[in-house]
Amino acid sequence: MDTVDNIRSGLIDKILAIKNRAFLQALDQLISSSATDSQTVTLSNEQKQLLQMSEEDIKDGKLISQEAMDKRNLEWLNAL
């Protein structure tokens, strides 16, 4: 699996090889817009409510381990 640094270096190498001005401008716009869009996430009321319910479950100790959840899912899939 590539590390972030390897991916970044590969992208830089590819960008340096691009000669098409319009393509580079479009790429710049894409990168600029996605950087600002990804910083703010607006949640719906339903999403906020689900997060609050999750917080309450954590406080009340209503948890299940990933291993137990995987086992439960496997049993459910095998029952189909």
PDB file of N, CA and C in Angstrom:
ATOM      1  N   MET A   1       0.845  -1.174   0.000  1.00  0.00           N
ATOM      2  CA  MET A   1       0.000   0.000   0.000  1.00  0.00           C
ATOM      3  C   MET A   1       0.892   1.240   0.000  1.00  0.00           C
ATOM      4  N   ASP A   2       0.535   2.188  -0.845  1.00  0.00           N
ATOM      5  CA  ASP A   2       1.324   3.413  -0.944  1.00  0.00           C
ATOM      6  C   ASP A   2       1.099   4.307   0.271  1.00  0.00           C
ATOM      7  N   THR A   3       2.172   4.929   0.713  1.00  0.00           N
ATOM      8  CA  THR A   3       2.045   5.906   1.774  1.00  0.00           C
ATOM      9  C   THR A   3       1.600   7.230   1.171  1.00  0.00           C
ATOM     10  N   VAL A   4       1.163   8.140   2.010  1.00  0.00           N
ATOM     11  CA  VAL A   4       0.726   9.453   1.534  1.00  0.00           C
ATOM     12  C   VAL A   4       1.864  10.145   0.804  1.00  0.00           C
ATOM     13  N   ASP A   5       3.082  10.034   1.343  1.00  0.00           N
ATOM     14  CA  ASP A   5       4.231  10.677   0.693  1.00  0.00           C
ATOM     15  C   ASP A   5       4.493  10.102  -0.694  1.00  0.00           C
ATOM     16  N   ASN A   6       4.360   8.791  -0.845  1.00  0.00           N
ATOM     17  CA  ASN A   6       4.568   8.157  -2.156  1.00  0.00           C
ATOM     18  C   ASN A   6       3.510   8.613  -3.154  1.00  0.00           C
ATOM     19  N   ILE A   7       2.271   8.681  -2.702  1.00  0.00           N
ATOM     20  CA  ILE A   7       1.193   9.130  -3.591  1.00  0.00           C
ATOM     21  C   ILE A   7       1.434  10.576  -3.995  1.00  0.00           C
ATOM     22  N   ARG A   8       1.778  11.418  -3.016  1.00  0.00           N
ATOM     23  CA  ARG A   8       2.027  12.834  -3.299  1.00  0.00           C
ATOM     24  C   ARG A   8       3.165  12.992  -4.304  1.00  0.00           C
ATOM     25  N   SER A   9       4.245  12.265  -4.098  1.00  0.00           N
ATOM     26  CA  SER A   9       5.388  12.351  -5.013  1.00  0.00           C
ATOM     27  C   SER A   9       5.015  11.910  -6.425  1.00  0.00           C
ATOM     28  N   GLY A  10       4.238  10.838  -6.511  1.00  0.00           N
ATOM     29  CA  GLY A  10       3.794  10.362  -7.815  1.00  0.00           C
ATOM     30  C   GLY A  10       2.927  11.381  -8.526  1.00  0.00           C
ATOM     31  N   LEU A  11       2.029  12.011  -7.761  1.00  0.00           N
ATOM     32  CA  LEU A  11       1.179  13.046  -8.359  1.00  0.00           C
ATOM     33  C   LEU A  11       1.997  14.238  -8.828  1.00  0.00           C
ATOM     34  N   ILE A  12       2.958  14.650  -8.034  1.00  0.00           N
ATOM     35  CA  ILE A  12       3.803  15.777  -8.418  1.00  0.00           C
ATOM     36  C   ILE A  12       4.551  15.467  -9.711  1.00  0.00           C
ATOM     37  N   ASP A  13       5.095  14.262  -9.810  1.00  0.00           N
ATOM     38  CA  ASP A  13       5.800  13.866 -11.032  1.00  0.00           C
ATOM     39  C   ASP A  13       4.871  13.924 -12.245  1.00  0.00           C
ATOM     40  N   LYS A  14       3.654  13.435 -12.080  1.00  0.00           N
ATOM     41  CA  LYS A  14       2.698  13.442 -13.195  1.00  0.00           C
ATOM     42  C   LYS A  14       2.298  14.859 -13.565  1.00  0.00           C
ATOM     43  N   ILE A  15       2.079  15.701 -12.552  1.00  0.00           N
ATOM     44  CA  ILE A  15       1.687  17.093 -12.826  1.00  0.00           C
ATOM     45  C   ILE A  15       2.802  17.831 -13.553  1.00  0.00           C
ATOM     46  N   LEU A  16       4.040  17.588 -13.154  1.00  0.00           N
ATOM     47  CA  LEU A  16       5.172  18.256 -13.813  1.00  0.00           C
ATOM     48  C   LEU A  16       5.282  17.888 -15.292  1.00  0.00           C
ATOM     49  N   ALA A  17       4.770  16.721 -15.654  1.00  0.00           N
ATOM     50  CA  ALA A  17       4.847  16.278 -17.038  1.00  0.00           C
ATOM     51  C   ALA A  17       3.712  16.838 -17.905  1.00  0.00           C
ATOM     52  N   ILE A  18       2.695  17.407 -17.306  1.00  0.00           N
ATOM     53  CA  ILE A  18       1.546  17.927 -18.055  1.00  0.00           C
ATOM     54  C   ILE A  18       1.900  19.273 -18.688  1.00  0.00           C
ATOM     55  N   LYS A  19       1.633  19.394 -19.961  1.00  0.00           N
ATOM     56  CA  LYS A  19       1.908  20.624 -20.706  1.00  0.00           C
ATOM     57  C   LYS A  19       0.630  21.381 -21.075  1.00  0.00           C
ATOM     58  N   ASN A  20      -0.515  20.749 -20.932  1.00  0.00           N
ATOM     59  CA  ASN A  20      -1.790  21.333 -21.331  1.00  0.00           C
ATOM     60  C   ASN A  20      -2.257  22.335 -20.272  1.00  0.00           C
ATOM     61  N   ARG A  21      -2.245  23.627 -20.657  1.00  0.00           N
ATOM     62  CA  ARG A  21      -2.583  24.702 -19.719  1.00  0.00           C
ATOM     63  C   ARG A  21      -4.015  24.567 -19.189  1.00  0.00           C
ATOM     64  N   ALA A  22      -4.968  24.279 -20.067  1.00  0.00           N
ATOM     65  CA  ALA A  22      -6.369  24.156 -19.649  1.00  0.00           C
ATOM     66  C   ALA A  22      -6.548  23.013 -18.659  1.00  0.00           C
ATOM     67  N   PHE A  23      -5.866  21.918 -18.913  1.00  0.00           N
ATOM     68  CA  PHE A  23      -5.940  20.770 -18.007  1.00  0.00           C
ATOM     69  C   PHE A  23      -5.396  21.143 -16.633  1.00  0.00           C
ATOM     70  N   LEU A  24      -4.262  21.839 -16.613  1.00  0.00           N
ATOM     71  CA  LEU A  24      -3.658  22.251 -15.342  1.00  0.00           C
ATOM     72  C   LEU A  24      -4.563  23.230 -14.597  1.00  0.00           C
ATOM     73  N   GLN A  25      -5.211  24.135 -15.323  1.00  0.00           N
ATOM     74  CA  GLN A  25      -6.127  25.066 -14.681  1.00  0.00           C
ATOM     75  C   GLN A  25      -7.325  24.325 -14.082  1.00  0.00           C
ATOM     76  N   ALA A  26      -7.847  23.361 -14.824  1.00  0.00           N
ATOM     77  CA  ALA A  26      -8.972  22.573 -14.315  1.00  0.00           C
ATOM     78  C   ALA A  26      -8.556  21.759 -13.091  1.00  0.00           C
ATOM     79  N   LEU A  27      -7.369  21.202 -13.136  1.00  0.00           N
ATOM     80  CA  LEU A  27      -6.858  20.436 -12.000  1.00  0.00           C
ATOM     81  C   LEU A  27      -6.674  21.333 -10.787  1.00  0.00           C
ATOM     82  N   ASP A  28      -6.151  22.538 -11.006  1.00  0.00           N
ATOM     83  CA  ASP A  28      -5.979  23.503  -9.925  1.00  0.00           C
ATOM     84  C   ASP A  28      -7.319  23.852  -9.298  1.00  0.00           C
ATOM     85  N   GLN A  29      -8.314  24.080 -10.144  1.00  0.00           N
ATOM     86  CA  GLN A  29      -9.650  24.415  -9.635  1.00  0.00           C
ATOM     87  C   GLN A  29     -10.238  23.238  -8.846  1.00  0.00           C
ATOM     88  N   LEU A  30     -10.059  22.040  -9.336  1.00  0.00           N
ATOM     89  CA  LEU A  30     -10.565  20.850  -8.653  1.00  0.00           C
ATOM     90  C   LEU A  30      -9.923  20.695  -7.276  1.00  0.00           C
ATOM     91  N   ILE A  31      -8.618  20.840  -7.233  1.00  0.00           N
ATOM     92  CA  ILE A  31      -7.908  20.692  -5.965  1.00  0.00           C
ATOM     93  C   ILE A  31      -8.297  21.804  -4.998  1.00  0.00           C
ATOM     94  N   SER A  32      -8.393  23.019  -5.500  1.00  0.00           N
ATOM     95  CA  SER A  32      -8.754  24.156  -4.648  1.00  0.00           C
ATOM     96  C   SER A  32     -10.160  24.016  -4.084  1.00  0.00           C
ATOM     97  N   SER A  33     -11.108  23.609  -4.909  1.00  0.00           N
ATOM     98  CA  SER A  33     -12.490  23.503  -4.446  1.00  0.00           C
ATOM     99  C   SER A  33     -12.673  22.331  -3.499  1.00  0.00           C
ATOM    100  N   SER A  34     -12.001  21.225  -3.737  1.00  0.00           N
ATOM    101  CA  SER A  34     -12.170  20.069  -2.855  1.00  0.00           C
ATOM    102  C   SER A  34     -11.502  20.303  -1.509  1.00  0.00           C
ATOM    103  N   ALA A  35     -10.456  21.111  -1.472  1.00  0.00           N
ATOM    104  CA  ALA A  35      -9.788  21.389  -0.198  1.00  0.00           C
ATOM    105  C   ALA A  35     -10.694  22.204   0.709  1.00  0.00           C
ATOM    106  N   THR A  36     -11.429  23.159   0.153  1.00  0.00           N
ATOM    107  CA  THR A  36     -12.311  23.969   0.990  1.00  0.00           C
ATOM    108  C   THR A  36     -13.605  23.235   1.303  1.00  0.00           C
ATOM    109  N   ASP A  37     -14.106  22.442   0.371  1.00  0.00           N
ATOM    110  CA  ASP A  37     -15.348  21.712   0.600  1.00  0.00           C
ATOM    111  C   ASP A  37     -15.199  20.658   1.682  1.00  0.00           C
ATOM    112  N   SER A  38     -14.048  20.042   1.781  1.00  0.00           N
ATOM    113  CA  SER A  38     -13.884  18.936   2.712  1.00  0.00           C
ATOM    114  C   SER A  38     -13.684  19.387   4.154  1.00  0.00           C
ATOM    115  N   GLN A  39     -13.512  20.683   4.378  1.00  0.00           N
ATOM    116  CA  GLN A  39     -13.269  21.166   5.728  1.00  0.00           C
ATOM    117  C   GLN A  39     -14.558  21.303   6.536  1.00  0.00           C
ATOM    118  N   THR A  40     -15.670  21.563   5.902  1.00  0.00           N
ATOM    119  CA  THR A  40     -16.919  21.774   6.602  1.00  0.00           C
ATOM    120  C   THR A  40     -17.936  20.734   6.168  1.00  0.00           C
ATOM    121  N   VAL A  41     -18.517  20.074   7.150  1.00  0.00           N
ATOM    122  CA  VAL A  41     -19.547  19.086   6.881  1.00  0.00           C
ATOM    123  C   VAL A  41     -20.818  19.534   7.586  1.00  0.00           C
ATOM    124  N   THR A  42     -21.893  19.623   6.853  1.00  0.00           N
ATOM    125  CA  THR A  42     -23.173  19.992   7.444  1.00  0.00           C
ATOM    126  C   THR A  42     -23.987  18.730   7.668  1.00  0.00           C
ATOM    127  N   LEU A  43     -24.385  18.540   8.910  1.00  0.00           N
ATOM    128  CA  LEU A  43     -25.152  17.352   9.264  1.00  0.00           C
ATOM    129  C   LEU A  43     -26.637  17.671   9.305  1.00  0.00           C
ATOM    130  N   SER A  44     -27.439  16.707   8.898  1.00  0.00           N
ATOM    131  CA  SER A  44     -28.886  16.855   9.003  1.00  0.00           C
ATOM    132  C   SER A  44     -29.292  16.650  10.465  1.00  0.00           C
ATOM    133  N   ASN A  45     -30.516  17.012  10.785  1.00  0.00           N
ATOM    134  CA  ASN A  45     -31.011  16.800  12.144  1.00  0.00           C
ATOM    135  C   ASN A  45     -31.003  15.319  12.510  1.00  0.00           C
ATOM    136  N   GLU A  46     -31.324  14.476  11.533  1.00  0.00           N
ATOM    137  CA  GLU A  46     -31.334  13.037  11.781  1.00  0.00           C
ATOM    138  C   GLU A  46     -29.929  12.526  12.097  1.00  0.00           C
ATOM    139  N   GLN A  47     -28.927  13.014  11.368  1.00  0.00           N
ATOM    140  CA  GLN A  47     -27.542  12.608  11.625  1.00  0.00           C
ATOM    141  C   GLN A  47     -27.090  13.065  13.001  1.00  0.00           C
ATOM    142  N   LYS A  48     -27.463  14.290  13.370  1.00  0.00           N
ATOM    143  CA  LYS A  48     -27.122  14.791  14.706  1.00  0.00           C
ATOM    144  C   LYS A  48     -27.777  13.942  15.786  1.00  0.00           C
ATOM    145  N   GLN A  49     -29.013  13.566  15.557  1.00  0.00           N
ATOM    146  CA  GLN A  49     -29.735  12.738  16.517  1.00  0.00           C
ATOM    147  C   GLN A  49     -29.078  11.365  16.655  1.00  0.00           C
ATOM    148  N   LEU A  50     -28.671  10.772  15.537  1.00  0.00           N
ATOM    149  CA  LEU A  50     -27.984   9.476  15.588  1.00  0.00           C
ATOM    150  C   LEU A  50     -26.656   9.574  16.338  1.00  0.00           C
ATOM    151  N   LEU A  51     -25.922  10.646  16.124  1.00  0.00           N
ATOM    152  CA  LEU A  51     -24.665  10.840  16.848  1.00  0.00           C
ATOM    153  C   LEU A  51     -24.914  10.999  18.341  1.00  0.00           C
ATOM    154  N   GLN A  52     -25.967  11.728  18.714  1.00  0.00           N
ATOM    155  CA  GLN A  52     -26.315  11.893  20.126  1.00  0.00           C
ATOM    156  C   GLN A  52     -26.688  10.544  20.738  1.00  0.00           C
ATOM    157  N   MET A  53     -27.453   9.743  20.002  1.00  0.00           N
ATOM    158  CA  MET A  53     -27.824   8.410  20.494  1.00  0.00           C
ATOM    159  C   MET A  53     -26.585   7.541  20.673  1.00  0.00           C
ATOM    160  N   SER A  54     -25.629   7.665  19.767  1.00  0.00           N
ATOM    161  CA  SER A  54     -24.387   6.905  19.881  1.00  0.00           C
ATOM    162  C   SER A  54     -23.607   7.321  21.117  1.00  0.00           C
ATOM    163  N   GLU A  55     -23.553   8.619  21.372  1.00  0.00           N
ATOM    164  CA  GLU A  55     -22.870   9.114  22.569  1.00  0.00           C
ATOM    165  C   GLU A  55     -23.518   8.562  23.834  1.00  0.00           C
ATOM    166  N   GLU A  56     -24.843   8.505  23.849  1.00  0.00           N
ATOM    167  CA  GLU A  56     -25.563   7.965  25.000  1.00  0.00           C
ATOM    168  C   GLU A  56     -25.273   6.477  25.166  1.00  0.00           C
ATOM    169  N   ASP A  57     -25.231   5.738  24.074  1.00  0.00           N
ATOM    170  CA  ASP A  57     -24.895   4.313  24.137  1.00  0.00           C
ATOM    171  C   ASP A  57     -23.503   4.105  24.719  1.00  0.00           C
ATOM    172  N   ILE A  58     -22.556   4.940  24.311  1.00  0.00           N
ATOM    173  CA  ILE A  58     -21.187   4.837  24.829  1.00  0.00           C
ATOM    174  C   ILE A  58     -21.179   5.105  26.324  1.00  0.00           C
ATOM    175  N   LYS A  59     -21.865   6.171  26.762  1.00  0.00           N
ATOM    176  CA  LYS A  59     -21.930   6.497  28.188  1.00  0.00           C
ATOM    177  C   LYS A  59     -22.567   5.376  28.994  1.00  0.00           C
ATOM    178  N   ASP A  60     -23.576   4.709  28.411  1.00  0.00           N
ATOM    179  CA  ASP A  60     -24.297   3.632  29.106  1.00  0.00           C
ATOM    180  C   ASP A  60     -23.606   2.281  28.971  1.00  0.00           C
ATOM    181  N   GLY A  61     -22.492   2.237  28.261  1.00  0.00           N
ATOM    182  CA  GLY A  61     -21.761   0.981  28.100  1.00  0.00           C
ATOM    183  C   GLY A  61     -22.399   0.004  27.136  1.00  0.00           C
ATOM    184  N   LYS A  62     -23.278   0.482  26.282  1.00  0.00           N
ATOM    185  CA  LYS A  62     -23.944  -0.376  25.290  1.00  0.00           C
ATOM    186  C   LYS A  62     -23.044  -0.496  24.073  1.00  0.00           C
ATOM    187  N   LEU A  63     -21.996  -1.275  24.217  1.00  0.00           N
ATOM    188  CA  LEU A  63     -20.996  -1.421  23.164  1.00  0.00           C
ATOM    189  C   LEU A  63     -20.848  -2.876  22.773  1.00  0.00           C
ATOM    190  N   ILE A  64     -20.332  -3.093  21.585  1.00  0.00           N
ATOM    191  CA  ILE A  64     -20.003  -4.437  21.121  1.00  0.00           C
ATOM    192  C   ILE A  64     -18.666  -4.327  20.385  1.00  0.00           C
ATOM    193  N   SER A  65     -17.805  -5.283  20.609  1.00  0.00           N
ATOM    194  CA  SER A  65     -16.491  -5.236  19.966  1.00  0.00           C
ATOM    195  C   SER A  65     -16.631  -5.513  18.472  1.00  0.00           C
ATOM    196  N   GLN A  66     -15.630  -5.094  17.720  1.00  0.00           N
ATOM    197  CA  GLN A  66     -15.641  -5.345  16.279  1.00  0.00           C
ATOM    198  C   GLN A  66     -15.636  -6.843  16.012  1.00  0.00           C
ATOM    199  N   GLU A  67     -14.885  -7.583  16.825  1.00  0.00           N
ATOM    200  CA  GLU A  67     -14.818  -9.042  16.662  1.00  0.00           C
ATOM    201  C   GLU A  67     -16.190  -9.670  16.884  1.00  0.00           C
ATOM    202  N   ALA A  68     -16.908  -9.230  17.901  1.00  0.00           N
ATOM    203  CA  ALA A  68     -18.248  -9.765  18.165  1.00  0.00           C
ATOM    204  C   ALA A  68     -19.208  -9.385  17.046  1.00  0.00           C
ATOM    205  N   MET A  69     -19.067  -8.164  16.537  1.00  0.00           N
ATOM    206  CA  MET A  69     -19.938  -7.731  15.447  1.00  0.00           C
ATOM    207  C   MET A  69     -19.646  -8.525  14.179  1.00  0.00           C
ATOM    208  N   ASP A  70     -18.382  -8.782  13.898  1.00  0.00           N
ATOM    209  CA  ASP A  70     -18.018  -9.603  12.733  1.00  0.00           C
ATOM    210  C   ASP A  70     -18.608 -11.002  12.853  1.00  0.00           C
ATOM    211  N   LYS A  71     -18.537 -11.561  14.050  1.00  0.00           N
ATOM    212  CA  LYS A  71     -19.087 -12.912  14.279  1.00  0.00           C
ATOM    213  C   LYS A  71     -20.592 -12.903  14.087  1.00  0.00           C
ATOM    214  N   ARG A  72     -21.254 -11.895  14.615  1.00  0.00           N
ATOM    215  CA  ARG A  72     -22.712 -11.780  14.476  1.00  0.00           C
ATOM    216  C   ARG A  72     -23.090 -11.639  13.000  1.00  0.00           C
ATOM    217  N   ASN A  73     -22.358 -10.818  12.257  1.00  0.00           N
ATOM    218  CA  ASN A  73     -22.644 -10.638  10.836  1.00  0.00           C
ATOM    219  C   ASN A  73     -22.425 -11.919  10.043  1.00  0.00           C
ATOM    220  N   LEU A  74     -21.359 -12.632  10.368  1.00  0.00           N
ATOM    221  CA  LEU A  74     -21.077 -13.891   9.682  1.00  0.00           C
ATOM    222  C   LEU A  74     -22.178 -14.910   9.936  1.00  0.00           C
ATOM    223  N   GLU A  75     -22.650 -14.998  11.177  1.00  0.00           N
ATOM    224  CA  GLU A  75     -23.730 -15.909  11.499  1.00  0.00           C
ATOM    225  C   GLU A  75     -24.993 -15.532  10.726  1.00  0.00           C
ATOM    226  N   TRP A  76     -25.263 -14.226  10.631  1.00  0.00           N
ATOM    227  CA  TRP A  76     -26.447 -13.774   9.909  1.00  0.00           C
ATOM    228  C   TRP A  76     -26.338 -14.117   8.424  1.00  0.00           C
ATOM    229  N   LEU A  77     -25.137 -13.905   7.842  1.00  0.00           N
ATOM    230  CA  LEU A  77     -24.946 -14.215   6.433  1.00  0.00           C
ATOM    231  C   LEU A  77     -25.071 -15.703   6.159  1.00  0.00           C
ATOM    232  N   ASN A  78     -24.576 -16.528   7.058  1.00  0.00           N
ATOM    233  CA  ASN A  78     -24.646 -17.969   6.869  1.00  0.00           C
ATOM    234  C   ASN A  78     -26.073 -18.498   7.019  1.00  0.00           C
ATOM    235  N   ALA A  79     -26.911 -17.764   7.714  1.00  0.00           N
ATOM    236  CA  ALA A  79     -28.305 -18.180   7.923  1.00  0.00           C
ATOM    237  C   ALA A  79     -29.178 -17.890   6.701  1.00  0.00           C
ATOM    238  N   LEU A  80     -28.681 -17.075   5.795  1.00  0.00           N
ATOM    239  CA  LEU A  80     -29.480 -16.708   4.612  1.00  0.00           C
ATOM    240  C   LEU A  80     -29.676 -17.847   3.674  1.00  0.00           C
TER     241      LEU A  80
END
